Every structure is written in C-alpha cells, then in structure tokens.
Protein backbone atom coordinates (compact mmCIF):
# COMPACT_ATOMS: atom_id res chain seq x y z
CA MET A 1 -29.60 -13.62 -57.71
CA ASN A 2 -32.93 -14.79 -59.08
CA GLY A 3 -36.02 -12.62 -59.42
CA ALA A 4 -37.67 -13.81 -56.20
CA GLY A 5 -34.54 -13.13 -54.16
CA LEU A 6 -34.27 -9.64 -55.61
CA MET A 7 -37.91 -8.92 -54.71
CA VAL A 8 -37.27 -10.00 -51.12
CA LEU A 9 -34.19 -7.78 -50.95
CA GLU A 10 -36.19 -4.82 -52.26
CA ALA A 11 -38.93 -5.48 -49.68
CA VAL A 12 -36.39 -5.58 -46.85
CA VAL A 13 -34.77 -2.32 -48.01
CA LEU A 14 -38.17 -0.64 -48.17
CA TRP A 15 -39.10 -2.02 -44.75
CA ILE A 16 -35.89 -0.77 -43.13
CA GLY A 17 -36.04 2.72 -44.59
CA SER A 18 -38.56 4.72 -46.54
CA ALA A 19 -38.44 4.82 -50.31
CA ASP A 20 -37.81 8.56 -50.39
CA GLY A 21 -34.73 8.28 -48.16
CA VAL A 22 -36.00 10.67 -45.48
CA THR A 23 -35.92 8.12 -42.66
CA GLU A 24 -33.09 6.05 -44.08
CA GLY A 25 -30.58 7.03 -41.40
CA LEU A 26 -32.85 6.46 -38.42
CA GLY A 27 -32.10 2.73 -38.26
CA VAL A 28 -28.40 3.46 -37.91
CA ALA A 29 -29.04 6.07 -35.21
CA ASP A 30 -31.26 3.68 -33.26
CA GLY A 31 -28.56 1.02 -33.43
CA ALA A 32 -25.92 3.45 -32.23
CA VAL A 33 -28.06 4.54 -29.28
CA ALA A 34 -28.77 0.92 -28.33
CA ALA A 35 -25.06 0.08 -28.47
CA VAL A 36 -24.13 3.03 -26.26
CA VAL A 37 -26.83 2.19 -23.70
CA ALA A 38 -25.73 -1.46 -23.63
CA GLY A 39 -22.10 -0.46 -23.11
CA LEU A 40 -22.96 1.95 -20.31
CA THR A 41 -25.16 -0.65 -18.61
CA ILE A 42 -22.42 -3.29 -18.73
CA THR A 43 -19.86 -0.79 -17.43
CA ALA A 44 -22.10 0.36 -14.59
CA SER A 45 -22.94 -3.18 -13.49
CA ALA A 46 -19.32 -4.35 -13.62
CA SER A 47 -18.18 -1.27 -11.70
CA PHE A 48 -20.81 -1.80 -9.03
CA ALA A 49 -19.98 -5.49 -8.67
CA HIS A 50 -16.24 -4.93 -8.46
CA ASP A 51 -15.94 -1.59 -6.71
CA VAL A 52 -18.94 -1.49 -4.39
CA TYR A 53 -19.83 -5.12 -3.77
CA ALA A 54 -16.40 -6.77 -3.72
CA SER A 55 -14.55 -3.94 -1.99
CA VAL A 56 -17.13 -2.49 0.40
CA ILE A 57 -19.88 -5.02 0.99
CA ALA A 58 -17.88 -8.27 0.84
CA LYS A 59 -14.72 -6.54 2.17
CA GLY A 60 -12.42 -8.23 -0.38
CA LYS A 61 -13.70 -11.76 0.27
CA SER A 62 -15.69 -12.12 -2.94
CA THR A 63 -15.13 -14.65 -5.70
CA PRO A 64 -15.29 -13.83 -9.43
CA GLU A 65 -18.38 -16.01 -9.72
CA LYS A 66 -20.17 -14.04 -7.00
CA GLU A 67 -19.16 -10.75 -8.65
CA MET A 68 -20.63 -12.01 -11.93
CA LYS A 69 -23.92 -12.85 -10.20
CA VAL A 70 -24.02 -9.40 -8.62
CA ALA A 71 -23.25 -7.76 -11.98
CA ARG A 72 -26.06 -9.68 -13.68
CA ARG A 73 -28.52 -8.69 -10.99
CA THR A 74 -27.36 -5.10 -11.26
CA VAL A 75 -28.15 -5.12 -14.99
CA ILE A 76 -31.70 -6.22 -14.16
CA VAL A 77 -32.05 -3.45 -11.56
CA ILE A 78 -30.74 -0.82 -14.00
CA GLY A 79 -33.19 -2.08 -16.62
CA VAL A 80 -36.14 -1.88 -14.23
CA PHE A 81 -35.23 1.67 -13.21
CA ALA A 82 -34.75 2.67 -16.85
CA ILE A 83 -38.25 1.55 -17.75
C-alpha cells in the first residue's frame, strides 16, 4: 500500500472510531441494533401479510404477489409509526 492509501485508511479508522478507543465499539453496536430492527420489521410485515391478510382478510384467496405488496406496504406503515 502506498503512502496516500495508508493516509486514507488512517482517516477512515479515525472517522469511524475515536483515536482513544472510547467510542470504538459504538459502530458495531449501532450496526447490531439496525440489523435486529430490520429483521423484526421484515418478520412483522411477512407475518401480517400471510397470517392476517391472506387468511383473514382475503379468506385464503390471495396470491403470493398480492401478499408481497401487502408486506411492502406494511413495512412502510411500521416505519411511519416508528418515527
């Protein structure tokens, strides 16, 4: 690695975490929280689309494409309520 590339790498490391290492683990924690929230959102929307919409609202006459549309809309609704 040349000198310029090493300087960029050092700048990125300093930007991600502090030089003293105090906040170094916060980026990992933020990523873990975001991954958990994303997984729960996907699970909730898929469960609503399959269990509530397909079984109760559409009474078993839903197509996979329609369930996918309902799941996508459910993600938007969950996001709006979360904000």
